Amino acid sequence: ADEEGVRDDIWYVVSTVLLGYTHV
């Protein structure tokens, strides 16, 4: 519920999606 918690969720998804599109 914290602002930092939401930010962490967003950055996790962004970095992990980019990871998946980098190498199998």
PDBML (XML) file of the C-alpha atoms, coordinates in Angstrom:
<?xml version="1.0" encoding="UTF-8" ?>
<PDBx:datablock datablockName="MODEL"
   xmlns:PDBx="http://pdbml.pdb.org/schema/pdbx-v50.xsd"
   xmlns:xsi="http://www.w3.org/2001/XMLSchema-instance"
   xsi:schemaLocation="http://pdbml.pdb.org/schema/pdbx-v50.xsd pdbx-v50.xsd">
   <PDBx:atom_siteCategory>
      <PDBx:atom_site id="1">
         <PDBx:B_iso_or_equiv>0.00</PDBx:B_iso_or_equiv>
         <PDBx:Cartn_x>0.000</PDBx:Cartn_x>
         <PDBx:Cartn_y>0.000</PDBx:Cartn_y>
         <PDBx:Cartn_z>0.000</PDBx:Cartn_z>
         <PDBx:auth_asym_id>A</PDBx:auth_asym_id>
         <PDBx:auth_atom_id>CA</PDBx:auth_atom_id>
         <PDBx:auth_comp_id>ALA</PDBx:auth_comp_id>
         <PDBx:auth_seq_id>1</PDBx:auth_seq_id>
         <PDBx:group_PDB>ATOM</PDBx:group_PDB>
         <PDBx:label_alt_id xsi:nil="true" />
         <PDBx:label_asym_id>A</PDBx:label_asym_id>
         <PDBx:label_atom_id>CA</PDBx:label_atom_id>
         <PDBx:label_comp_id>ALA</PDBx:label_comp_id>
         <PDBx:label_entity_id>1</PDBx:label_entity_id>
         <PDBx:label_seq_id>1</PDBx:label_seq_id>
         <PDBx:occupancy>1.00</PDBx:occupancy>
         <PDBx:pdbx_PDB_model_num>1</PDBx:pdbx_PDB_model_num>
         <PDBx:type_symbol>C</PDBx:type_symbol>
      </PDBx:atom_site>
      <PDBx:atom_site id="2">
         <PDBx:B_iso_or_equiv>0.00</PDBx:B_iso_or_equiv>
         <PDBx:Cartn_x>3.005</PDBx:Cartn_x>
         <PDBx:Cartn_y>2.268</PDBx:Cartn_y>
         <PDBx:Cartn_z>0.398</PDBx:Cartn_z>
         <PDBx:auth_asym_id>A</PDBx:auth_asym_id>
         <PDBx:auth_atom_id>CA</PDBx:auth_atom_id>
         <PDBx:auth_comp_id>ASP</PDBx:auth_comp_id>
         <PDBx:auth_seq_id>2</PDBx:auth_seq_id>
         <PDBx:group_PDB>ATOM</PDBx:group_PDB>
         <PDBx:label_alt_id xsi:nil="true" />
         <PDBx:label_asym_id>A</PDBx:label_asym_id>
         <PDBx:label_atom_id>CA</PDBx:label_atom_id>
         <PDBx:label_comp_id>ASP</PDBx:label_comp_id>
         <PDBx:label_entity_id>1</PDBx:label_entity_id>
         <PDBx:label_seq_id>2</PDBx:label_seq_id>
         <PDBx:occupancy>1.00</PDBx:occupancy>
         <PDBx:pdbx_PDB_model_num>1</PDBx:pdbx_PDB_model_num>
         <PDBx:type_symbol>C</PDBx:type_symbol>
      </PDBx:atom_site>
      <PDBx:atom_site id="3">
         <PDBx:B_iso_or_equiv>0.00</PDBx:B_iso_or_equiv>
         <PDBx:Cartn_x>4.102</PDBx:Cartn_x>
         <PDBx:Cartn_y>4.476</PDBx:Cartn_y>
         <PDBx:Cartn_z>-2.433</PDBx:Cartn_z>
         <PDBx:auth_asym_id>A</PDBx:auth_asym_id>
         <PDBx:auth_atom_id>CA</PDBx:auth_atom_id>
         <PDBx:auth_comp_id>GLU</PDBx:auth_comp_id>
         <PDBx:auth_seq_id>3</PDBx:auth_seq_id>
         <PDBx:group_PDB>ATOM</PDBx:group_PDB>
         <PDBx:label_alt_id xsi:nil="true" />
         <PDBx:label_asym_id>A</PDBx:label_asym_id>
         <PDBx:label_atom_id>CA</PDBx:label_atom_id>
         <PDBx:label_comp_id>GLU</PDBx:label_comp_id>
         <PDBx:label_entity_id>1</PDBx:label_entity_id>
         <PDBx:label_seq_id>3</PDBx:label_seq_id>
         <PDBx:occupancy>1.00</PDBx:occupancy>
         <PDBx:pdbx_PDB_model_num>1</PDBx:pdbx_PDB_model_num>
         <PDBx:type_symbol>C</PDBx:type_symbol>
      </PDBx:atom_site>
      <PDBx:atom_site id="4">
         <PDBx:B_iso_or_equiv>0.00</PDBx:B_iso_or_equiv>
         <PDBx:Cartn_x>7.459</PDBx:Cartn_x>
         <PDBx:Cartn_y>2.684</PDBx:Cartn_y>
         <PDBx:Cartn_z>-2.419</PDBx:Cartn_z>
         <PDBx:auth_asym_id>A</PDBx:auth_asym_id>
         <PDBx:auth_atom_id>CA</PDBx:auth_atom_id>
         <PDBx:auth_comp_id>GLU</PDBx:auth_comp_id>
         <PDBx:auth_seq_id>4</PDBx:auth_seq_id>
         <PDBx:group_PDB>ATOM</PDBx:group_PDB>
         <PDBx:label_alt_id xsi:nil="true" />
         <PDBx:label_asym_id>A</PDBx:label_asym_id>
         <PDBx:label_atom_id>CA</PDBx:label_atom_id>
         <PDBx:label_comp_id>GLU</PDBx:label_comp_id>
         <PDBx:label_entity_id>1</PDBx:label_entity_id>
         <PDBx:label_seq_id>4</PDBx:label_seq_id>
         <PDBx:occupancy>1.00</PDBx:occupancy>
         <PDBx:pdbx_PDB_model_num>1</PDBx:pdbx_PDB_model_num>
         <PDBx:type_symbol>C</PDBx:type_symbol>
      </PDBx:atom_site>
      <PDBx:atom_site id="5">
         <PDBx:B_iso_or_equiv>0.00</PDBx:B_iso_or_equiv>
         <PDBx:Cartn_x>5.727</PDBx:Cartn_x>
         <PDBx:Cartn_y>-0.687</PDBx:Cartn_y>
         <PDBx:Cartn_z>-2.518</PDBx:Cartn_z>
         <PDBx:auth_asym_id>A</PDBx:auth_asym_id>
         <PDBx:auth_atom_id>CA</PDBx:auth_atom_id>
         <PDBx:auth_comp_id>GLY</PDBx:auth_comp_id>
         <PDBx:auth_seq_id>5</PDBx:auth_seq_id>
         <PDBx:group_PDB>ATOM</PDBx:group_PDB>
         <PDBx:label_alt_id xsi:nil="true" />
         <PDBx:label_asym_id>A</PDBx:label_asym_id>
         <PDBx:label_atom_id>CA</PDBx:label_atom_id>
         <PDBx:label_comp_id>GLY</PDBx:label_comp_id>
         <PDBx:label_entity_id>1</PDBx:label_entity_id>
         <PDBx:label_seq_id>5</PDBx:label_seq_id>
         <PDBx:occupancy>1.00</PDBx:occupancy>
         <PDBx:pdbx_PDB_model_num>1</PDBx:pdbx_PDB_model_num>
         <PDBx:type_symbol>C</PDBx:type_symbol>
      </PDBx:atom_site>
      <PDBx:atom_site id="6">
         <PDBx:B_iso_or_equiv>0.00</PDBx:B_iso_or_equiv>
         <PDBx:Cartn_x>3.804</PDBx:Cartn_x>
         <PDBx:Cartn_y>0.240</PDBx:Cartn_y>
         <PDBx:Cartn_z>-5.664</PDBx:Cartn_z>
         <PDBx:auth_asym_id>A</PDBx:auth_asym_id>
         <PDBx:auth_atom_id>CA</PDBx:auth_atom_id>
         <PDBx:auth_comp_id>VAL</PDBx:auth_comp_id>
         <PDBx:auth_seq_id>6</PDBx:auth_seq_id>
         <PDBx:group_PDB>ATOM</PDBx:group_PDB>
         <PDBx:label_alt_id xsi:nil="true" />
         <PDBx:label_asym_id>A</PDBx:label_asym_id>
         <PDBx:label_atom_id>CA</PDBx:label_atom_id>
         <PDBx:label_comp_id>VAL</PDBx:label_comp_id>
         <PDBx:label_entity_id>1</PDBx:label_entity_id>
         <PDBx:label_seq_id>6</PDBx:label_seq_id>
         <PDBx:occupancy>1.00</PDBx:occupancy>
         <PDBx:pdbx_PDB_model_num>1</PDBx:pdbx_PDB_model_num>
         <PDBx:type_symbol>C</PDBx:type_symbol>
      </PDBx:atom_site>
      <PDBx:atom_site id="7">
         <PDBx:B_iso_or_equiv>0.00</PDBx:B_iso_or_equiv>
         <PDBx:Cartn_x>6.973</PDBx:Cartn_x>
         <PDBx:Cartn_y>1.609</PDBx:Cartn_y>
         <PDBx:Cartn_z>-7.211</PDBx:Cartn_z>
         <PDBx:auth_asym_id>A</PDBx:auth_asym_id>
         <PDBx:auth_atom_id>CA</PDBx:auth_atom_id>
         <PDBx:auth_comp_id>ARG</PDBx:auth_comp_id>
         <PDBx:auth_seq_id>7</PDBx:auth_seq_id>
         <PDBx:group_PDB>ATOM</PDBx:group_PDB>
         <PDBx:label_alt_id xsi:nil="true" />
         <PDBx:label_asym_id>A</PDBx:label_asym_id>
         <PDBx:label_atom_id>CA</PDBx:label_atom_id>
         <PDBx:label_comp_id>ARG</PDBx:label_comp_id>
         <PDBx:label_entity_id>1</PDBx:label_entity_id>
         <PDBx:label_seq_id>7</PDBx:label_seq_id>
         <PDBx:occupancy>1.00</PDBx:occupancy>
         <PDBx:pdbx_PDB_model_num>1</PDBx:pdbx_PDB_model_num>
         <PDBx:type_symbol>C</PDBx:type_symbol>
      </PDBx:atom_site>
      <PDBx:atom_site id="8">
         <PDBx:B_iso_or_equiv>0.00</PDBx:B_iso_or_equiv>
         <PDBx:Cartn_x>8.762</PDBx:Cartn_x>
         <PDBx:Cartn_y>-1.649</PDBx:Cartn_y>
         <PDBx:Cartn_z>-6.436</PDBx:Cartn_z>
         <PDBx:auth_asym_id>A</PDBx:auth_asym_id>
         <PDBx:auth_atom_id>CA</PDBx:auth_atom_id>
         <PDBx:auth_comp_id>ASP</PDBx:auth_comp_id>
         <PDBx:auth_seq_id>8</PDBx:auth_seq_id>
         <PDBx:group_PDB>ATOM</PDBx:group_PDB>
         <PDBx:label_alt_id xsi:nil="true" />
         <PDBx:label_asym_id>A</PDBx:label_asym_id>
         <PDBx:label_atom_id>CA</PDBx:label_atom_id>
         <PDBx:label_comp_id>ASP</PDBx:label_comp_id>
         <PDBx:label_entity_id>1</PDBx:label_entity_id>
         <PDBx:label_seq_id>8</PDBx:label_seq_id>
         <PDBx:occupancy>1.00</PDBx:occupancy>
         <PDBx:pdbx_PDB_model_num>1</PDBx:pdbx_PDB_model_num>
         <PDBx:type_symbol>C</PDBx:type_symbol>
      </PDBx:atom_site>
      <PDBx:atom_site id="9">
         <PDBx:B_iso_or_equiv>0.00</PDBx:B_iso_or_equiv>
         <PDBx:Cartn_x>5.999</PDBx:Cartn_x>
         <PDBx:Cartn_y>-3.618</PDBx:Cartn_y>
         <PDBx:Cartn_z>-8.146</PDBx:Cartn_z>
         <PDBx:auth_asym_id>A</PDBx:auth_asym_id>
         <PDBx:auth_atom_id>CA</PDBx:auth_atom_id>
         <PDBx:auth_comp_id>ASP</PDBx:auth_comp_id>
         <PDBx:auth_seq_id>9</PDBx:auth_seq_id>
         <PDBx:group_PDB>ATOM</PDBx:group_PDB>
         <PDBx:label_alt_id xsi:nil="true" />
         <PDBx:label_asym_id>A</PDBx:label_asym_id>
         <PDBx:label_atom_id>CA</PDBx:label_atom_id>
         <PDBx:label_comp_id>ASP</PDBx:label_comp_id>
         <PDBx:label_entity_id>1</PDBx:label_entity_id>
         <PDBx:label_seq_id>9</PDBx:label_seq_id>
         <PDBx:occupancy>1.00</PDBx:occupancy>
         <PDBx:pdbx_PDB_model_num>1</PDBx:pdbx_PDB_model_num>
         <PDBx:type_symbol>C</PDBx:type_symbol>
      </PDBx:atom_site>
      <PDBx:atom_site id="10">
         <PDBx:B_iso_or_equiv>0.00</PDBx:B_iso_or_equiv>
         <PDBx:Cartn_x>6.260</PDBx:Cartn_x>
         <PDBx:Cartn_y>-1.491</PDBx:Cartn_y>
         <PDBx:Cartn_z>-11.275</PDBx:Cartn_z>
         <PDBx:auth_asym_id>A</PDBx:auth_asym_id>
         <PDBx:auth_atom_id>CA</PDBx:auth_atom_id>
         <PDBx:auth_comp_id>ILE</PDBx:auth_comp_id>
         <PDBx:auth_seq_id>10</PDBx:auth_seq_id>
         <PDBx:group_PDB>ATOM</PDBx:group_PDB>
         <PDBx:label_alt_id xsi:nil="true" />
         <PDBx:label_asym_id>A</PDBx:label_asym_id>
         <PDBx:label_atom_id>CA</PDBx:label_atom_id>
         <PDBx:label_comp_id>ILE</PDBx:label_comp_id>
         <PDBx:label_entity_id>1</PDBx:label_entity_id>
         <PDBx:label_seq_id>10</PDBx:label_seq_id>
         <PDBx:occupancy>1.00</PDBx:occupancy>
         <PDBx:pdbx_PDB_model_num>1</PDBx:pdbx_PDB_model_num>
         <PDBx:type_symbol>C</PDBx:type_symbol>
      </PDBx:atom_site>
      <PDBx:atom_site id="11">
         <PDBx:B_iso_or_equiv>0.00</PDBx:B_iso_or_equiv>
         <PDBx:Cartn_x>10.037</PDBx:Cartn_x>
         <PDBx:Cartn_y>-1.667</PDBx:Cartn_y>
         <PDBx:Cartn_z>-11.453</PDBx:Cartn_z>
         <PDBx:auth_asym_id>A</PDBx:auth_asym_id>
         <PDBx:auth_atom_id>CA</PDBx:auth_atom_id>
         <PDBx:auth_comp_id>TRP</PDBx:auth_comp_id>
         <PDBx:auth_seq_id>11</PDBx:auth_seq_id>
         <PDBx:group_PDB>ATOM</PDBx:group_PDB>
         <PDBx:label_alt_id xsi:nil="true" />
         <PDBx:label_asym_id>A</PDBx:label_asym_id>
         <PDBx:label_atom_id>CA</PDBx:label_atom_id>
         <PDBx:label_comp_id>TRP</PDBx:label_comp_id>
         <PDBx:label_entity_id>1</PDBx:label_entity_id>
         <PDBx:label_seq_id>11</PDBx:label_seq_id>
         <PDBx:occupancy>1.00</PDBx:occupancy>
         <PDBx:pdbx_PDB_model_num>1</PDBx:pdbx_PDB_model_num>
         <PDBx:type_symbol>C</PDBx:type_symbol>
      </PDBx:atom_site>
      <PDBx:atom_site id="12">
         <PDBx:B_iso_or_equiv>0.00</PDBx:B_iso_or_equiv>
         <PDBx:Cartn_x>10.000</PDBx:Cartn_x>
         <PDBx:Cartn_y>-5.405</PDBx:Cartn_y>
         <PDBx:Cartn_z>-10.863</PDBx:Cartn_z>
         <PDBx:auth_asym_id>A</PDBx:auth_asym_id>
         <PDBx:auth_atom_id>CA</PDBx:auth_atom_id>
         <PDBx:auth_comp_id>TYR</PDBx:auth_comp_id>
         <PDBx:auth_seq_id>12</PDBx:auth_seq_id>
         <PDBx:group_PDB>ATOM</PDBx:group_PDB>
         <PDBx:label_alt_id xsi:nil="true" />
         <PDBx:label_asym_id>A</PDBx:label_asym_id>
         <PDBx:label_atom_id>CA</PDBx:label_atom_id>
         <PDBx:label_comp_id>TYR</PDBx:label_comp_id>
         <PDBx:label_entity_id>1</PDBx:label_entity_id>
         <PDBx:label_seq_id>12</PDBx:label_seq_id>
         <PDBx:occupancy>1.00</PDBx:occupancy>
         <PDBx:pdbx_PDB_model_num>1</PDBx:pdbx_PDB_model_num>
         <PDBx:type_symbol>C</PDBx:type_symbol>
      </PDBx:atom_site>
      <PDBx:atom_site id="13">
         <PDBx:B_iso_or_equiv>0.00</PDBx:B_iso_or_equiv>
         <PDBx:Cartn_x>7.602</PDBx:Cartn_x>
         <PDBx:Cartn_y>-5.973</PDBx:Cartn_y>
         <PDBx:Cartn_z>-13.749</PDBx:Cartn_z>
         <PDBx:auth_asym_id>A</PDBx:auth_asym_id>
         <PDBx:auth_atom_id>CA</PDBx:auth_atom_id>
         <PDBx:auth_comp_id>VAL</PDBx:auth_comp_id>
         <PDBx:auth_seq_id>13</PDBx:auth_seq_id>
         <PDBx:group_PDB>ATOM</PDBx:group_PDB>
         <PDBx:label_alt_id xsi:nil="true" />
         <PDBx:label_asym_id>A</PDBx:label_asym_id>
         <PDBx:label_atom_id>CA</PDBx:label_atom_id>
         <PDBx:label_comp_id>VAL</PDBx:label_comp_id>
         <PDBx:label_entity_id>1</PDBx:label_entity_id>
         <PDBx:label_seq_id>13</PDBx:label_seq_id>
         <PDBx:occupancy>1.00</PDBx:occupancy>
         <PDBx:pdbx_PDB_model_num>1</PDBx:pdbx_PDB_model_num>
         <PDBx:type_symbol>C</PDBx:type_symbol>
      </PDBx:atom_site>
      <PDBx:atom_site id="14">
         <PDBx:B_iso_or_equiv>0.00</PDBx:B_iso_or_equiv>
         <PDBx:Cartn_x>9.558</PDBx:Cartn_x>
         <PDBx:Cartn_y>-3.643</PDBx:Cartn_y>
         <PDBx:Cartn_z>-16.045</PDBx:Cartn_z>
         <PDBx:auth_asym_id>A</PDBx:auth_asym_id>
         <PDBx:auth_atom_id>CA</PDBx:auth_atom_id>
         <PDBx:auth_comp_id>VAL</PDBx:auth_comp_id>
         <PDBx:auth_seq_id>14</PDBx:auth_seq_id>
         <PDBx:group_PDB>ATOM</PDBx:group_PDB>
         <PDBx:label_alt_id xsi:nil="true" />
         <PDBx:label_asym_id>A</PDBx:label_asym_id>
         <PDBx:label_atom_id>CA</PDBx:label_atom_id>
         <PDBx:label_comp_id>VAL</PDBx:label_comp_id>
         <PDBx:label_entity_id>1</PDBx:label_entity_id>
         <PDBx:label_seq_id>14</PDBx:label_seq_id>
         <PDBx:occupancy>1.00</PDBx:occupancy>
         <PDBx:pdbx_PDB_model_num>1</PDBx:pdbx_PDB_model_num>
         <PDBx:type_symbol>C</PDBx:type_symbol>
      </PDBx:atom_site>
      <PDBx:atom_site id="15">
         <PDBx:B_iso_or_equiv>0.00</PDBx:B_iso_or_equiv>
         <PDBx:Cartn_x>12.955</PDBx:Cartn_x>
         <PDBx:Cartn_y>-5.213</PDBx:Cartn_y>
         <PDBx:Cartn_z>-15.297</PDBx:Cartn_z>
         <PDBx:auth_asym_id>A</PDBx:auth_asym_id>
         <PDBx:auth_atom_id>CA</PDBx:auth_atom_id>
         <PDBx:auth_comp_id>SER</PDBx:auth_comp_id>
         <PDBx:auth_seq_id>15</PDBx:auth_seq_id>
         <PDBx:group_PDB>ATOM</PDBx:group_PDB>
         <PDBx:label_alt_id xsi:nil="true" />
         <PDBx:label_asym_id>A</PDBx:label_asym_id>
         <PDBx:label_atom_id>CA</PDBx:label_atom_id>
         <PDBx:label_comp_id>SER</PDBx:label_comp_id>
         <PDBx:label_entity_id>1</PDBx:label_entity_id>
         <PDBx:label_seq_id>15</PDBx:label_seq_id>
         <PDBx:occupancy>1.00</PDBx:occupancy>
         <PDBx:pdbx_PDB_model_num>1</PDBx:pdbx_PDB_model_num>
         <PDBx:type_symbol>C</PDBx:type_symbol>
      </PDBx:atom_site>
      <PDBx:atom_site id="16">
         <PDBx:B_iso_or_equiv>0.00</PDBx:B_iso_or_equiv>
         <PDBx:Cartn_x>11.595</PDBx:Cartn_x>
         <PDBx:Cartn_y>-8.767</PDBx:Cartn_y>
         <PDBx:Cartn_z>-15.493</PDBx:Cartn_z>
         <PDBx:auth_asym_id>A</PDBx:auth_asym_id>
         <PDBx:auth_atom_id>CA</PDBx:auth_atom_id>
         <PDBx:auth_comp_id>THR</PDBx:auth_comp_id>
         <PDBx:auth_seq_id>16</PDBx:auth_seq_id>
         <PDBx:group_PDB>ATOM</PDBx:group_PDB>
         <PDBx:label_alt_id xsi:nil="true" />
         <PDBx:label_asym_id>A</PDBx:label_asym_id>
         <PDBx:label_atom_id>CA</PDBx:label_atom_id>
         <PDBx:label_comp_id>THR</PDBx:label_comp_id>
         <PDBx:label_entity_id>1</PDBx:label_entity_id>
         <PDBx:label_seq_id>16</PDBx:label_seq_id>
         <PDBx:occupancy>1.00</PDBx:occupancy>
         <PDBx:pdbx_PDB_model_num>1</PDBx:pdbx_PDB_model_num>
         <PDBx:type_symbol>C</PDBx:type_symbol>
      </PDBx:atom_site>
      <PDBx:atom_site id="17">
         <PDBx:B_iso_or_equiv>0.00</PDBx:B_iso_or_equiv>
         <PDBx:Cartn_x>9.772</PDBx:Cartn_x>
         <PDBx:Cartn_y>-8.226</PDBx:Cartn_y>
         <PDBx:Cartn_z>-18.790</PDBx:Cartn_z>
         <PDBx:auth_asym_id>A</PDBx:auth_asym_id>
         <PDBx:auth_atom_id>CA</PDBx:auth_atom_id>
         <PDBx:auth_comp_id>VAL</PDBx:auth_comp_id>
         <PDBx:auth_seq_id>17</PDBx:auth_seq_id>
         <PDBx:group_PDB>ATOM</PDBx:group_PDB>
         <PDBx:label_alt_id xsi:nil="true" />
         <PDBx:label_asym_id>A</PDBx:label_asym_id>
         <PDBx:label_atom_id>CA</PDBx:label_atom_id>
         <PDBx:label_comp_id>VAL</PDBx:label_comp_id>
         <PDBx:label_entity_id>1</PDBx:label_entity_id>
         <PDBx:label_seq_id>17</PDBx:label_seq_id>
         <PDBx:occupancy>1.00</PDBx:occupancy>
         <PDBx:pdbx_PDB_model_num>1</PDBx:pdbx_PDB_model_num>
         <PDBx:type_symbol>C</PDBx:type_symbol>
      </PDBx:atom_site>
      <PDBx:atom_site id="18">
         <PDBx:B_iso_or_equiv>0.00</PDBx:B_iso_or_equiv>
         <PDBx:Cartn_x>12.939</PDBx:Cartn_x>
         <PDBx:Cartn_y>-6.719</PDBx:Cartn_y>
         <PDBx:Cartn_z>-20.257</PDBx:Cartn_z>
         <PDBx:auth_asym_id>A</PDBx:auth_asym_id>
         <PDBx:auth_atom_id>CA</PDBx:auth_atom_id>
         <PDBx:auth_comp_id>LEU</PDBx:auth_comp_id>
         <PDBx:auth_seq_id>18</PDBx:auth_seq_id>
         <PDBx:group_PDB>ATOM</PDBx:group_PDB>
         <PDBx:label_alt_id xsi:nil="true" />
         <PDBx:label_asym_id>A</PDBx:label_asym_id>
         <PDBx:label_atom_id>CA</PDBx:label_atom_id>
         <PDBx:label_comp_id>LEU</PDBx:label_comp_id>
         <PDBx:label_entity_id>1</PDBx:label_entity_id>
         <PDBx:label_seq_id>18</PDBx:label_seq_id>
         <PDBx:occupancy>1.00</PDBx:occupancy>
         <PDBx:pdbx_PDB_model_num>1</PDBx:pdbx_PDB_model_num>
         <PDBx:type_symbol>C</PDBx:type_symbol>
      </PDBx:atom_site>
      <PDBx:atom_site id="19">
         <PDBx:B_iso_or_equiv>0.00</PDBx:B_iso_or_equiv>
         <PDBx:Cartn_x>14.829</PDBx:Cartn_x>
         <PDBx:Cartn_y>-9.725</PDBx:Cartn_y>
         <PDBx:Cartn_z>-18.902</PDBx:Cartn_z>
         <PDBx:auth_asym_id>A</PDBx:auth_asym_id>
         <PDBx:auth_atom_id>CA</PDBx:auth_atom_id>
         <PDBx:auth_comp_id>LEU</PDBx:auth_comp_id>
         <PDBx:auth_seq_id>19</PDBx:auth_seq_id>
         <PDBx:group_PDB>ATOM</PDBx:group_PDB>
         <PDBx:label_alt_id xsi:nil="true" />
         <PDBx:label_asym_id>A</PDBx:label_asym_id>
         <PDBx:label_atom_id>CA</PDBx:label_atom_id>
         <PDBx:label_comp_id>LEU</PDBx:label_comp_id>
         <PDBx:label_entity_id>1</PDBx:label_entity_id>
         <PDBx:label_seq_id>19</PDBx:label_seq_id>
         <PDBx:occupancy>1.00</PDBx:occupancy>
         <PDBx:pdbx_PDB_model_num>1</PDBx:pdbx_PDB_model_num>
         <PDBx:type_symbol>C</PDBx:type_symbol>
      </PDBx:atom_site>
      <PDBx:atom_site id="20">
         <PDBx:B_iso_or_equiv>0.00</PDBx:B_iso_or_equiv>
         <PDBx:Cartn_x>12.461</PDBx:Cartn_x>
         <PDBx:Cartn_y>-12.113</PDBx:Cartn_y>
         <PDBx:Cartn_z>-20.675</PDBx:Cartn_z>
         <PDBx:auth_asym_id>A</PDBx:auth_asym_id>
         <PDBx:auth_atom_id>CA</PDBx:auth_atom_id>
         <PDBx:auth_comp_id>GLY</PDBx:auth_comp_id>
         <PDBx:auth_seq_id>20</PDBx:auth_seq_id>
         <PDBx:group_PDB>ATOM</PDBx:group_PDB>
         <PDBx:label_alt_id xsi:nil="true" />
         <PDBx:label_asym_id>A</PDBx:label_asym_id>
         <PDBx:label_atom_id>CA</PDBx:label_atom_id>
         <PDBx:label_comp_id>GLY</PDBx:label_comp_id>
         <PDBx:label_entity_id>1</PDBx:label_entity_id>
         <PDBx:label_seq_id>20</PDBx:label_seq_id>
         <PDBx:occupancy>1.00</PDBx:occupancy>
         <PDBx:pdbx_PDB_model_num>1</PDBx:pdbx_PDB_model_num>
         <PDBx:type_symbol>C</PDBx:type_symbol>
      </PDBx:atom_site>
      <PDBx:atom_site id="21">
         <PDBx:B_iso_or_equiv>0.00</PDBx:B_iso_or_equiv>
         <PDBx:Cartn_x>12.898</PDBx:Cartn_x>
         <PDBx:Cartn_y>-10.211</PDBx:Cartn_y>
         <PDBx:Cartn_z>-23.937</PDBx:Cartn_z>
         <PDBx:auth_asym_id>A</PDBx:auth_asym_id>
         <PDBx:auth_atom_id>CA</PDBx:auth_atom_id>
         <PDBx:auth_comp_id>TYR</PDBx:auth_comp_id>
         <PDBx:auth_seq_id>21</PDBx:auth_seq_id>
         <PDBx:group_PDB>ATOM</PDBx:group_PDB>
         <PDBx:label_alt_id xsi:nil="true" />
         <PDBx:label_asym_id>A</PDBx:label_asym_id>
         <PDBx:label_atom_id>CA</PDBx:label_atom_id>
         <PDBx:label_comp_id>TYR</PDBx:label_comp_id>
         <PDBx:label_entity_id>1</PDBx:label_entity_id>
         <PDBx:label_seq_id>21</PDBx:label_seq_id>
         <PDBx:occupancy>1.00</PDBx:occupancy>
         <PDBx:pdbx_PDB_model_num>1</PDBx:pdbx_PDB_model_num>
         <PDBx:type_symbol>C</PDBx:type_symbol>
      </PDBx:atom_site>
      <PDBx:atom_site id="22">
         <PDBx:B_iso_or_equiv>0.00</PDBx:B_iso_or_equiv>
         <PDBx:Cartn_x>16.699</PDBx:Cartn_x>
         <PDBx:Cartn_y>-10.340</PDBx:Cartn_y>
         <PDBx:Cartn_z>-23.640</PDBx:Cartn_z>
         <PDBx:auth_asym_id>A</PDBx:auth_asym_id>
         <PDBx:auth_atom_id>CA</PDBx:auth_atom_id>
         <PDBx:auth_comp_id>THR</PDBx:auth_comp_id>
         <PDBx:auth_seq_id>22</PDBx:auth_seq_id>
         <PDBx:group_PDB>ATOM</PDBx:group_PDB>
         <PDBx:label_alt_id xsi:nil="true" />
         <PDBx:label_asym_id>A</PDBx:label_asym_id>
         <PDBx:label_atom_id>CA</PDBx:label_atom_id>
         <PDBx:label_comp_id>THR</PDBx:label_comp_id>
         <PDBx:label_entity_id>1</PDBx:label_entity_id>
         <PDBx:label_seq_id>22</PDBx:label_seq_id>
         <PDBx:occupancy>1.00</PDBx:occupancy>
         <PDBx:pdbx_PDB_model_num>1</PDBx:pdbx_PDB_model_num>
         <PDBx:type_symbol>C</PDBx:type_symbol>
      </PDBx:atom_site>
      <PDBx:atom_site id="23">
         <PDBx:B_iso_or_equiv>0.00</PDBx:B_iso_or_equiv>
         <PDBx:Cartn_x>17.402</PDBx:Cartn_x>
         <PDBx:Cartn_y>-14.078</PDBx:Cartn_y>
         <PDBx:Cartn_z>-23.484</PDBx:Cartn_z>
         <PDBx:auth_asym_id>A</PDBx:auth_asym_id>
         <PDBx:auth_atom_id>CA</PDBx:auth_atom_id>
         <PDBx:auth_comp_id>HIS</PDBx:auth_comp_id>
         <PDBx:auth_seq_id>23</PDBx:auth_seq_id>
         <PDBx:group_PDB>ATOM</PDBx:group_PDB>
         <PDBx:label_alt_id xsi:nil="true" />
         <PDBx:label_asym_id>A</PDBx:label_asym_id>
         <PDBx:label_atom_id>CA</PDBx:label_atom_id>
         <PDBx:label_comp_id>HIS</PDBx:label_comp_id>
         <PDBx:label_entity_id>1</PDBx:label_entity_id>
         <PDBx:label_seq_id>23</PDBx:label_seq_id>
         <PDBx:occupancy>1.00</PDBx:occupancy>
         <PDBx:pdbx_PDB_model_num>1</PDBx:pdbx_PDB_model_num>
         <PDBx:type_symbol>C</PDBx:type_symbol>
      </PDBx:atom_site>
      <PDBx:atom_site id="24">
         <PDBx:B_iso_or_equiv>0.00</PDBx:B_iso_or_equiv>
         <PDBx:Cartn_x>15.444</PDBx:Cartn_x>
         <PDBx:Cartn_y>-17.276</PDBx:Cartn_y>
         <PDBx:Cartn_z>-23.002</PDBx:Cartn_z>
         <PDBx:auth_asym_id>A</PDBx:auth_asym_id>
         <PDBx:auth_atom_id>CA</PDBx:auth_atom_id>
         <PDBx:auth_comp_id>VAL</PDBx:auth_comp_id>
         <PDBx:auth_seq_id>24</PDBx:auth_seq_id>
         <PDBx:group_PDB>ATOM</PDBx:group_PDB>
         <PDBx:label_alt_id xsi:nil="true" />
         <PDBx:label_asym_id>A</PDBx:label_asym_id>
         <PDBx:label_atom_id>CA</PDBx:label_atom_id>
         <PDBx:label_comp_id>VAL</PDBx:label_comp_id>
         <PDBx:label_entity_id>1</PDBx:label_entity_id>
         <PDBx:label_seq_id>24</PDBx:label_seq_id>
         <PDBx:occupancy>1.00</PDBx:occupancy>
         <PDBx:pdbx_PDB_model_num>1</PDBx:pdbx_PDB_model_num>
         <PDBx:type_symbol>C</PDBx:type_symbol>
      </PDBx:atom_site>
   </PDBx:atom_siteCategory>
</PDBx:datablock>
